[in-house]
Structures are given as C-alpha cells and as structure tokens.
Amino acid sequence: AWMGDVTTLESGSEKVARAPDIESARREFAPLSDALIVVAKKYSLSGEAAINRFHCPMAFDGKGADWLSGGTEVRNPYYGARMLKCGEMVETVAPGHGQH
C-alpha cells in the first residue's frame, strides 16, 4: 500500500514542479494535497506536533480545496497573498493516530 501512495505523491509533486505558472501549480497542488491528507491519516505520524487540515470553500470556483499545515493559522496556498486568510481549520491529525 505504501508504494502506491509514494507513487501518487511523487507524480503529484512532479506535476507541481513542472507547472508553467503559479495558477497551474495551484491546480496541480490540489490533488497532491488530497493525497497527502490520505497519507497523513493512513500512517502513524512521528514527532510531537499535530498536522492540521484546512479548507477553503472558494477555491476552484466554489468547489473548495484542502491543505495541510503544521500551524494553526490560515495560510491559503490556493490564493496566496490575494486571500491568504481565506479558509478554516477543519481537522487535526494527531501524531501517532494513523492506521496501519
């Protein structure tokens, strides 16, 4: 299962890295972020800090999108400086509480 997850993460990372502009990179970041959320929940986390899932309801013409952050302050990767604080923390993925 882990190798399949790694392949998904690598592919998503490559798409973000090859994006020709910031808007394309943001579109490619959404599925990568979704895959990271799955991995964070699926496998145990190490360390003391929790990882928080945030949601922006306005991203992608109102479809919404999620991302992970180690902090508790909203820093929206889909809008950057234009709407940096758009979104809310919707879940905390605590260290050591993943599934094996």
PDB file of N, CA and C in Angstrom:
ATOM      1  N   ALA A   1       0.820  -1.190   0.000  1.00  0.00           N
ATOM      2  CA  ALA A   1       0.000   0.000   0.000  1.00  0.00           C
ATOM      3  C   ALA A   1       0.864   1.253   0.000  1.00  0.00           C
ATOM      4  N   TRP A   2       1.956   1.229   0.794  1.00  0.00           N
ATOM      5  CA  TRP A   2       2.814   2.400   0.883  1.00  0.00           C
ATOM      6  C   TRP A   2       3.425   2.753  -0.476  1.00  0.00           C
ATOM      7  N   MET A   3       3.845   1.765  -1.242  1.00  0.00           N
ATOM      8  CA  MET A   3       4.474   2.045  -2.537  1.00  0.00           C
ATOM      9  C   MET A   3       3.491   2.726  -3.487  1.00  0.00           C
ATOM     10  N   GLY A   4       2.240   2.346  -3.436  1.00  0.00           N
ATOM     11  CA  GLY A   4       1.230   3.016  -4.251  1.00  0.00           C
ATOM     12  C   GLY A   4       1.051   4.468  -3.822  1.00  0.00           C
ATOM     13  N   ASP A   5       1.059   4.697  -2.525  1.00  0.00           N
ATOM     14  CA  ASP A   5       0.945   6.062  -2.012  1.00  0.00           C
ATOM     15  C   ASP A   5       2.159   6.900  -2.411  1.00  0.00           C
ATOM     16  N   VAL A   6       3.350   6.307  -2.340  1.00  0.00           N
ATOM     17  CA  VAL A   6       4.571   7.013  -2.726  1.00  0.00           C
ATOM     18  C   VAL A   6       4.517   7.405  -4.200  1.00  0.00           C
ATOM     19  N   THR A   7       4.061   6.488  -5.036  1.00  0.00           N
ATOM     20  CA  THR A   7       3.948   6.772  -6.464  1.00  0.00           C
ATOM     21  C   THR A   7       3.007   7.948  -6.716  1.00  0.00           C
ATOM     22  N   THR A   8       1.881   7.967  -6.028  1.00  0.00           N
ATOM     23  CA  THR A   8       0.922   9.060  -6.158  1.00  0.00           C
ATOM     24  C   THR A   8       1.536  10.379  -5.719  1.00  0.00           C
ATOM     25  N   LEU A   9       2.243  10.382  -4.595  1.00  0.00           N
ATOM     26  CA  LEU A   9       2.873  11.592  -4.090  1.00  0.00           C
ATOM     27  C   LEU A   9       3.984  12.090  -5.021  1.00  0.00           C
ATOM     28  N   GLU A  10       4.787  11.158  -5.539  1.00  0.00           N
ATOM     29  CA  GLU A  10       5.851  11.544  -6.467  1.00  0.00           C
ATOM     30  C   GLU A  10       5.279  12.154  -7.736  1.00  0.00           C
ATOM     31  N   SER A  11       4.252  11.522  -8.278  1.00  0.00           N
ATOM     32  CA  SER A  11       3.629  12.017  -9.503  1.00  0.00           C
ATOM     33  C   SER A  11       3.041  13.412  -9.286  1.00  0.00           C
ATOM     34  N   GLY A  12       2.344  13.584  -8.177  1.00  0.00           N
ATOM     35  CA  GLY A  12       1.764  14.886  -7.869  1.00  0.00           C
ATOM     36  C   GLY A  12       2.817  15.958  -7.663  1.00  0.00           C
ATOM     37  N   SER A  13       3.895  15.600  -6.998  1.00  0.00           N
ATOM     38  CA  SER A  13       4.990  16.547  -6.765  1.00  0.00           C
ATOM     39  C   SER A  13       5.633  16.972  -8.081  1.00  0.00           C
ATOM     40  N   GLU A  14       5.824  16.027  -8.974  1.00  0.00           N
ATOM     41  CA  GLU A  14       6.412  16.341 -10.277  1.00  0.00           C
ATOM     42  C   GLU A  14       5.508  17.274 -11.082  1.00  0.00           C
ATOM     43  N   LYS A  15       4.202  17.066 -11.018  1.00  0.00           N
ATOM     44  CA  LYS A  15       3.272  17.938 -11.739  1.00  0.00           C
ATOM     45  C   LYS A  15       3.320  19.364 -11.210  1.00  0.00           C
ATOM     46  N   VAL A  16       3.403  19.520  -9.897  1.00  0.00           N
ATOM     47  CA  VAL A  16       3.508  20.854  -9.317  1.00  0.00           C
ATOM     48  C   VAL A  16       4.826  21.499  -9.764  1.00  0.00           C
ATOM     49  N   ALA A  17       5.920  20.738  -9.696  1.00  0.00           N
ATOM     50  CA  ALA A  17       7.230  21.272 -10.048  1.00  0.00           C
ATOM     51  C   ALA A  17       7.315  21.670 -11.527  1.00  0.00           C
ATOM     52  N   ARG A  18       6.629  20.961 -12.394  1.00  0.00           N
ATOM     53  CA  ARG A  18       6.685  21.241 -13.840  1.00  0.00           C
ATOM     54  C   ARG A  18       5.659  22.272 -14.294  1.00  0.00           C
ATOM     55  N   ALA A  19       4.820  22.726 -13.413  1.00  0.00           N
ATOM     56  CA  ALA A  19       3.781  23.691 -13.789  1.00  0.00           C
ATOM     57  C   ALA A  19       4.431  24.954 -14.368  1.00  0.00           C
ATOM     58  N   PRO A  20       3.878  25.449 -15.469  1.00  0.00           N
ATOM     59  CA  PRO A  20       4.491  26.606 -16.130  1.00  0.00           C
ATOM     60  C   PRO A  20       4.244  27.949 -15.430  1.00  0.00           C
ATOM     61  N   ASP A  21       3.262  27.992 -14.529  1.00  0.00           N
ATOM     62  CA  ASP A  21       2.961  29.240 -13.830  1.00  0.00           C
ATOM     63  C   ASP A  21       2.293  28.914 -12.499  1.00  0.00           C
ATOM     64  N   ILE A  22       2.120  29.944 -11.675  1.00  0.00           N
ATOM     65  CA  ILE A  22       1.590  29.737 -10.320  1.00  0.00           C
ATOM     66  C   ILE A  22       0.156  29.218 -10.329  1.00  0.00           C
ATOM     67  N   GLU A  23      -0.669  29.679 -11.250  1.00  0.00           N
ATOM     68  CA  GLU A  23      -2.053  29.196 -11.298  1.00  0.00           C
ATOM     69  C   GLU A  23      -2.103  27.709 -11.636  1.00  0.00           C
ATOM     70  N   SER A  24      -1.273  27.273 -12.565  1.00  0.00           N
ATOM     71  CA  SER A  24      -1.192  25.845 -12.914  1.00  0.00           C
ATOM     72  C   SER A  24      -0.669  25.041 -11.728  1.00  0.00           C
ATOM     73  N   ALA A  25       0.327  25.581 -11.044  1.00  0.00           N
ATOM     74  CA  ALA A  25       0.880  24.892  -9.872  1.00  0.00           C
ATOM     75  C   ALA A  25      -0.185  24.724  -8.792  1.00  0.00           C
ATOM     76  N   ARG A  26      -1.010  25.743  -8.610  1.00  0.00           N
ATOM     77  CA  ARG A  26      -2.076  25.648  -7.606  1.00  0.00           C
ATOM     78  C   ARG A  26      -3.098  24.586  -7.991  1.00  0.00           C
ATOM     79  N   ARG A  27      -3.425  24.486  -9.275  1.00  0.00           N
ATOM     80  CA  ARG A  27      -4.358  23.435  -9.723  1.00  0.00           C
ATOM     81  C   ARG A  27      -3.769  22.048  -9.492  1.00  0.00           C
ATOM     82  N   GLU A  28      -2.473  21.894  -9.741  1.00  0.00           N
ATOM     83  CA  GLU A  28      -1.814  20.598  -9.538  1.00  0.00           C
ATOM     84  C   GLU A  28      -1.606  20.293  -8.057  1.00  0.00           C
ATOM     85  N   PHE A  29      -1.529  21.333  -7.239  1.00  0.00           N
ATOM     86  CA  PHE A  29      -1.329  21.142  -5.804  1.00  0.00           C
ATOM     87  C   PHE A  29      -2.544  20.503  -5.142  1.00  0.00           C
ATOM     88  N   ALA A  30      -3.734  20.784  -5.638  1.00  0.00           N
ATOM     89  CA  ALA A  30      -4.958  20.272  -5.006  1.00  0.00           C
ATOM     90  C   ALA A  30      -4.984  18.737  -4.918  1.00  0.00           C
ATOM     91  N   PRO A  31      -4.765  17.995  -6.022  1.00  0.00           N
ATOM     92  CA  PRO A  31      -4.758  16.528  -5.880  1.00  0.00           C
ATOM     93  C   PRO A  31      -3.576  16.017  -5.056  1.00  0.00           C
ATOM     94  N   LEU A  32      -2.438  16.707  -5.127  1.00  0.00           N
ATOM     95  CA  LEU A  32      -1.304  16.326  -4.287  1.00  0.00           C
ATOM     96  C   LEU A  32      -1.659  16.511  -2.820  1.00  0.00           C
ATOM     97  N   SER A  33      -2.277  17.615  -2.504  1.00  0.00           N
ATOM     98  CA  SER A  33      -2.697  17.876  -1.134  1.00  0.00           C
ATOM     99  C   SER A  33      -3.691  16.820  -0.647  1.00  0.00           C
ATOM    100  N   ASP A  34      -4.640  16.450  -1.498  1.00  0.00           N
ATOM    101  CA  ASP A  34      -5.603  15.397  -1.130  1.00  0.00           C
ATOM    102  C   ASP A  34      -4.881  14.087  -0.830  1.00  0.00           C
ATOM    103  N   ALA A  35      -3.874  13.752  -1.636  1.00  0.00           N
ATOM    104  CA  ALA A  35      -3.102  12.526  -1.411  1.00  0.00           C
ATOM    105  C   ALA A  35      -2.318  12.611  -0.104  1.00  0.00           C
ATOM    106  N   LEU A  36      -1.763  13.773   0.196  1.00  0.00           N
ATOM    107  CA  LEU A  36      -1.035  13.948   1.457  1.00  0.00           C
ATOM    108  C   LEU A  36      -1.954  13.801   2.664  1.00  0.00           C
ATOM    109  N   ILE A  37      -3.164  14.286   2.540  1.00  0.00           N
ATOM    110  CA  ILE A  37      -4.139  14.156   3.632  1.00  0.00           C
ATOM    111  C   ILE A  37      -4.441  12.683   3.885  1.00  0.00           C
ATOM    112  N   VAL A  38      -4.630  11.924   2.822  1.00  0.00           N
ATOM    113  CA  VAL A  38      -4.884  10.484   2.949  1.00  0.00           C
ATOM    114  C   VAL A  38      -3.705   9.804   3.643  1.00  0.00           C
ATOM    115  N   VAL A  39      -2.489  10.115   3.205  1.00  0.00           N
ATOM    116  CA  VAL A  39      -1.294   9.501   3.792  1.00  0.00           C
ATOM    117  C   VAL A  39      -1.147   9.887   5.268  1.00  0.00           C
ATOM    118  N   ALA A  40      -1.386  11.144   5.594  1.00  0.00           N
ATOM    119  CA  ALA A  40      -1.272  11.589   6.988  1.00  0.00           C
ATOM    120  C   ALA A  40      -2.244  10.844   7.898  1.00  0.00           C
ATOM    121  N   LYS A  41      -3.426  10.551   7.386  1.00  0.00           N
ATOM    122  CA  LYS A  41      -4.425   9.827   8.187  1.00  0.00           C
ATOM    123  C   LYS A  41      -4.158   8.326   8.216  1.00  0.00           C
ATOM    124  N   LYS A  42      -3.586   7.815   7.154  1.00  0.00           N
ATOM    125  CA  LYS A  42      -3.410   6.375   6.992  1.00  0.00           C
ATOM    126  C   LYS A  42      -2.239   5.817   7.811  1.00  0.00           C
ATOM    127  N   TYR A  43      -1.181   6.621   7.935  1.00  0.00           N
ATOM    128  CA  TYR A  43       0.040   6.149   8.587  1.00  0.00           C
ATOM    129  C   TYR A  43       0.301   6.945   9.856  1.00  0.00           C
ATOM    130  N   SER A  44       0.901   6.310  10.812  1.00  0.00           N
ATOM    131  CA  SER A  44       1.237   6.993  12.066  1.00  0.00           C
ATOM    132  C   SER A  44       2.208   8.125  11.798  1.00  0.00           C
ATOM    133  N   LEU A  45       2.010   9.215  12.495  1.00  0.00           N
ATOM    134  CA  LEU A  45       2.893  10.360  12.395  1.00  0.00           C
ATOM    135  C   LEU A  45       3.899  10.311  13.520  1.00  0.00           C
ATOM    136  N   SER A  46       5.091  10.803  13.263  1.00  0.00           N
ATOM    137  CA  SER A  46       6.084  10.865  14.334  1.00  0.00           C
ATOM    138  C   SER A  46       6.228  12.310  14.795  1.00  0.00           C
ATOM    139  N   GLY A  47       6.815  12.486  15.927  1.00  0.00           N
ATOM    140  CA  GLY A  47       7.025  13.834  16.446  1.00  0.00           C
ATOM    141  C   GLY A  47       5.926  14.247  17.396  1.00  0.00           C
ATOM    142  N   GLU A  48       6.044  15.460  17.864  1.00  0.00           N
ATOM    143  CA  GLU A  48       5.118  15.982  18.862  1.00  0.00           C
ATOM    144  C   GLU A  48       4.013  16.849  18.267  1.00  0.00           C
ATOM    145  N   ALA A  49       4.294  17.494  17.145  1.00  0.00           N
ATOM    146  CA  ALA A  49       3.346  18.452  16.582  1.00  0.00           C
ATOM    147  C   ALA A  49       2.260  17.758  15.761  1.00  0.00           C
ATOM    148  N   ALA A  50       1.066  18.265  15.885  1.00  0.00           N
ATOM    149  CA  ALA A  50      -0.039  17.765  15.071  1.00  0.00           C
ATOM    150  C   ALA A  50       0.020  18.415  13.685  1.00  0.00           C
ATOM    151  N   ILE A  51      -0.632  17.805  12.751  1.00  0.00           N
ATOM    152  CA  ILE A  51      -0.796  18.367  11.418  1.00  0.00           C
ATOM    153  C   ILE A  51      -2.268  18.730  11.286  1.00  0.00           C
ATOM    154  N   ASN A  52      -2.523  19.939  10.819  1.00  0.00           N
ATOM    155  CA  ASN A  52      -3.890  20.435  10.715  1.00  0.00           C
ATOM    156  C   ASN A  52      -4.344  20.481   9.263  1.00  0.00           C
ATOM    157  N   ARG A  53      -5.596  20.099   9.047  1.00  0.00           N
ATOM    158  CA  ARG A  53      -6.190  20.180   7.710  1.00  0.00           C
ATOM    159  C   ARG A  53      -7.050  21.435   7.657  1.00  0.00           C
ATOM    160  N   PHE A  54      -6.842  22.206   6.611  1.00  0.00           N
ATOM    161  CA  PHE A  54      -7.596  23.430   6.379  1.00  0.00           C
ATOM    162  C   PHE A  54      -8.447  23.269   5.129  1.00  0.00           C
ATOM    163  N   HIS A  55      -9.505  24.055   5.045  1.00  0.00           N
ATOM    164  CA  HIS A  55     -10.395  24.011   3.888  1.00  0.00           C
ATOM    165  C   HIS A  55     -10.721  25.431   3.443  1.00  0.00           C
ATOM    166  N   CYS A  56     -10.616  25.661   2.132  1.00  0.00           N
ATOM    167  CA  CYS A  56     -11.034  26.922   1.532  1.00  0.00           C
ATOM    168  C   CYS A  56     -12.246  26.622   0.659  1.00  0.00           C
ATOM    169  N   PRO A  57     -13.407  27.118   1.015  1.00  0.00           N
ATOM    170  CA  PRO A  57     -14.615  26.821   0.246  1.00  0.00           C
ATOM    171  C   PRO A  57     -14.668  27.550  -1.096  1.00  0.00           C
ATOM    172  N   MET A  58     -13.856  28.584  -1.286  1.00  0.00           N
ATOM    173  CA  MET A  58     -13.915  29.389  -2.504  1.00  0.00           C
ATOM    174  C   MET A  58     -12.986  28.892  -3.610  1.00  0.00           C
ATOM    175  N   ALA A  59     -12.030  28.052  -3.277  1.00  0.00           N
ATOM    176  CA  ALA A  59     -11.057  27.594  -4.275  1.00  0.00           C
ATOM    177  C   ALA A  59     -11.757  26.879  -5.432  1.00  0.00           C
ATOM    178  N   PHE A  60     -11.194  27.075  -6.601  1.00  0.00           N
ATOM    179  CA  PHE A  60     -11.665  26.396  -7.810  1.00  0.00           C
ATOM    180  C   PHE A  60     -13.159  26.618  -8.062  1.00  0.00           C
ATOM    181  N   ASP A  61     -13.505  27.902  -8.116  1.00  0.00           N
ATOM    182  CA  ASP A  61     -14.870  28.316  -8.448  1.00  0.00           C
ATOM    183  C   ASP A  61     -15.920  27.729  -7.509  1.00  0.00           C
ATOM    184  N   GLY A  62     -15.601  27.711  -6.233  1.00  0.00           N
ATOM    185  CA  GLY A  62     -16.552  27.254  -5.227  1.00  0.00           C
ATOM    186  C   GLY A  62     -16.574  25.761  -4.976  1.00  0.00           C
ATOM    187  N   LYS A  63     -15.719  25.000  -5.652  1.00  0.00           N
ATOM    188  CA  LYS A  63     -15.647  23.553  -5.393  1.00  0.00           C
ATOM    189  C   LYS A  63     -14.947  23.281  -4.062  1.00  0.00           C
ATOM    190  N   GLY A  64     -14.049  24.187  -3.696  1.00  0.00           N
ATOM    191  CA  GLY A  64     -13.316  24.044  -2.441  1.00  0.00           C
ATOM    192  C   GLY A  64     -12.075  23.187  -2.591  1.00  0.00           C
ATOM    193  N   ALA A  65     -11.161  23.348  -1.655  1.00  0.00           N
ATOM    194  CA  ALA A  65      -9.924  22.567  -1.645  1.00  0.00           C
ATOM    195  C   ALA A  65      -9.336  22.580  -0.241  1.00  0.00           C
ATOM    196  N   ASP A  66      -8.585  21.538   0.060  1.00  0.00           N
ATOM    197  CA  ASP A  66      -7.974  21.371   1.370  1.00  0.00           C
ATOM    198  C   ASP A  66      -6.460  21.395   1.271  1.00  0.00           C
ATOM    199  N   TRP A  67      -5.805  21.616   2.406  1.00  0.00           N
ATOM    200  CA  TRP A  67      -4.356  21.529   2.502  1.00  0.00           C
ATOM    201  C   TRP A  67      -3.983  21.245   3.943  1.00  0.00           C
ATOM    202  N   LEU A  68      -2.744  20.800   4.136  1.00  0.00           N
ATOM    203  CA  LEU A  68      -2.212  20.518   5.469  1.00  0.00           C
ATOM    204  C   LEU A  68      -1.241  21.610   5.877  1.00  0.00           C
ATOM    205  N   SER A  69      -1.174  21.839   7.191  1.00  0.00           N
ATOM    206  CA  SER A  69      -0.234  22.803   7.744  1.00  0.00           C
ATOM    207  C   SER A  69       0.167  22.359   9.140  1.00  0.00           C
ATOM    208  N   GLY A  70       1.396  22.654   9.492  1.00  0.00           N
ATOM    209  CA  GLY A  70       1.865  22.370  10.842  1.00  0.00           C
ATOM    210  C   GLY A  70       1.413  23.410  11.841  1.00  0.00           C
ATOM    211  N   GLY A  71       0.925  24.538  11.362  1.00  0.00           N
ATOM    212  CA  GLY A  71       0.474  25.607  12.240  1.00  0.00           C
ATOM    213  C   GLY A  71      -1.031  25.639  12.370  1.00  0.00           C
ATOM    214  N   THR A  72      -1.510  26.622  13.103  1.00  0.00           N
ATOM    215  CA  THR A  72      -2.956  26.766  13.298  1.00  0.00           C
ATOM    216  C   THR A  72      -3.508  28.001  12.600  1.00  0.00           C
ATOM    217  N   GLU A  73      -2.643  28.784  11.992  1.00  0.00           N
ATOM    218  CA  GLU A  73      -3.071  29.998  11.310  1.00  0.00           C
ATOM    219  C   GLU A  73      -3.308  29.696   9.828  1.00  0.00           C
ATOM    220  N   VAL A  74      -4.385  30.251   9.279  1.00  0.00           N
ATOM    221  CA  VAL A  74      -4.721  30.041   7.870  1.00  0.00           C
ATOM    222  C   VAL A  74      -3.691  30.727   6.989  1.00  0.00           C
ATOM    223  N   ARG A  75      -3.099  29.963   6.077  1.00  0.00           N
ATOM    224  CA  ARG A  75      -2.178  30.465   5.063  1.00  0.00           C
ATOM    225  C   ARG A  75      -2.548  29.754   3.756  1.00  0.00           C
ATOM    226  N   ASN A  76      -3.529  30.300   3.075  1.00  0.00           N
ATOM    227  CA  ASN A  76      -4.156  29.664   1.915  1.00  0.00           C
ATOM    228  C   ASN A  76      -3.201  29.551   0.726  1.00  0.00           C
ATOM    229  N   PRO A  77      -2.838  28.338   0.324  1.00  0.00           N
ATOM    230  CA  PRO A  77      -1.925  28.166  -0.810  1.00  0.00           C
ATOM    231  C   PRO A  77      -2.606  28.345  -2.165  1.00  0.00           C
ATOM    232  N   TYR A  78      -3.915  28.361  -2.192  1.00  0.00           N
ATOM    233  CA  TYR A  78      -4.635  28.449  -3.456  1.00  0.00           C
ATOM    234  C   TYR A  78      -4.814  29.889  -3.916  1.00  0.00           C
ATOM    235  N   TYR A  79      -4.786  30.826  -2.994  1.00  0.00           N
ATOM    236  CA  TYR A  79      -4.955  32.229  -3.350  1.00  0.00           C
ATOM    237  C   TYR A  79      -3.741  33.082  -3.014  1.00  0.00           C
ATOM    238  N   GLY A  80      -2.833  32.553  -2.226  1.00  0.00           N
ATOM    239  CA  GLY A  80      -1.649  33.318  -1.870  1.00  0.00           C
ATOM    240  C   GLY A  80      -2.000  34.641  -1.214  1.00  0.00           C
ATOM    241  N   ALA A  81      -1.271  35.688  -1.563  1.00  0.00           N
ATOM    242  CA  ALA A  81      -1.442  36.997  -0.930  1.00  0.00           C
ATOM    243  C   ALA A  81      -2.819  37.605  -1.190  1.00  0.00           C
ATOM    244  N   ARG A  82      -3.469  37.209  -2.278  1.00  0.00           N
ATOM    245  CA  ARG A  82      -4.788  37.784  -2.587  1.00  0.00           C
ATOM    246  C   ARG A  82      -5.813  37.476  -1.509  1.00  0.00           C
ATOM    247  N   MET A  83      -5.795  36.250  -1.000  1.00  0.00           N
ATOM    248  CA  MET A  83      -6.759  35.844   0.040  1.00  0.00           C
ATOM    249  C   MET A  83      -6.071  34.874   0.992  1.00  0.00           C
ATOM    250  N   LEU A  84      -4.977  35.305   1.546  1.00  0.00           N
ATOM    251  CA  LEU A  84      -4.131  34.459   2.380  1.00  0.00           C
ATOM    252  C   LEU A  84      -4.871  33.833   3.555  1.00  0.00           C
ATOM    253  N   LYS A  85      -5.852  34.518   4.083  1.00  0.00           N
ATOM    254  CA  LYS A  85      -6.547  34.029   5.280  1.00  0.00           C
ATOM    255  C   LYS A  85      -7.921  33.445   4.985  1.00  0.00           C
ATOM    256  N   CYS A  86      -8.197  33.154   3.712  1.00  0.00           N
ATOM    257  CA  CYS A  86      -9.474  32.541   3.354  1.00  0.00           C
ATOM    258  C   CYS A  86      -9.420  31.052   3.683  1.00  0.00           C
ATOM    259  N   GLY A  87     -10.317  30.599   4.514  1.00  0.00           N
ATOM    260  CA  GLY A  87     -10.372  29.192   4.885  1.00  0.00           C
ATOM    261  C   GLY A  87     -10.459  29.031   6.383  1.00  0.00           C
ATOM    262  N   GLU A  88     -10.546  27.784   6.792  1.00  0.00           N
ATOM    263  CA  GLU A  88     -10.605  27.492   8.217  1.00  0.00           C
ATOM    264  C   GLU A  88     -10.013  26.126   8.498  1.00  0.00           C
ATOM    265  N   MET A  89      -9.515  25.966   9.728  1.00  0.00           N
ATOM    266  CA  MET A  89      -9.011  24.670  10.152  1.00  0.00           C
ATOM    267  C   MET A  89     -10.225  23.781  10.411  1.00  0.00           C
ATOM    268  N   VAL A  90     -10.240  22.604   9.798  1.00  0.00           N
ATOM    269  CA  VAL A  90     -11.391  21.715   9.929  1.00  0.00           C
ATOM    270  C   VAL A  90     -11.072  20.403  10.641  1.00  0.00           C
ATOM    271  N   GLU A  91      -9.785  20.126  10.820  1.00  0.00           N
ATOM    272  CA  GLU A  91      -9.430  18.843  11.438  1.00  0.00           C
ATOM    273  C   GLU A  91      -7.980  18.880  11.878  1.00  0.00           C
ATOM    274  N   THR A  92      -7.687  18.194  12.963  1.00  0.00           N
ATOM    275  CA  THR A  92      -6.312  17.986  13.403  1.00  0.00           C
ATOM    276  C   THR A  92      -6.008  16.502  13.319  1.00  0.00           C
ATOM    277  N   VAL A  93      -4.915  16.192  12.646  1.00  0.00           N
ATOM    278  CA  VAL A  93      -4.446  14.813  12.553  1.00  0.00           C
ATOM    279  C   VAL A  93      -3.325  14.698  13.582  1.00  0.00           C
ATOM    280  N   ALA A  94      -3.627  14.062  14.704  1.00  0.00           N
ATOM    281  CA  ALA A  94      -2.685  13.994  15.827  1.00  0.00           C
ATOM    282  C   ALA A  94      -1.575  12.988  15.552  1.00  0.00           C
ATOM    283  N   PRO A  95      -0.359  13.256  16.037  1.00  0.00           N
ATOM    284  CA  PRO A  95       0.749  12.319  15.866  1.00  0.00           C
ATOM    285  C   PRO A  95       0.436  10.958  16.457  1.00  0.00           C
ATOM    286  N   GLY A  96       0.829   9.912  15.741  1.00  0.00           N
ATOM    287  CA  GLY A  96       0.676   8.556  16.256  1.00  0.00           C
ATOM    288  C   GLY A  96      -0.714   7.977  16.199  1.00  0.00           C
ATOM    289  N   HIS A  97      -1.652   8.657  15.533  1.00  0.00           N
ATOM    290  CA  HIS A  97      -3.010   8.140  15.492  1.00  0.00           C
ATOM    291  C   HIS A  97      -3.444   7.678  14.105  1.00  0.00           C
ATOM    292  N   GLY A  98      -2.485   7.371  13.234  1.00  0.00           N
ATOM    293  CA  GLY A  98      -2.829   6.868  11.904  1.00  0.00           C
ATOM    294  C   GLY A  98      -3.225   5.407  11.963  1.00  0.00           C
ATOM    295  N   GLN A  99      -3.627   4.885  10.825  1.00  0.00           N
ATOM    296  CA  GLN A  99      -3.994   3.466  10.721  1.00  0.00           C
ATOM    297  C   GLN A  99      -2.847   2.735  10.041  1.00  0.00           C
ATOM    298  N   HIS A 100      -2.660   1.485  10.374  1.00  0.00           N
ATOM    299  CA  HIS A 100      -1.614   0.671   9.727  1.00  0.00           C
ATOM    300  C   HIS A 100      -2.251  -0.385   8.873  1.00  0.00           C
TER     301      HIS A 100
END
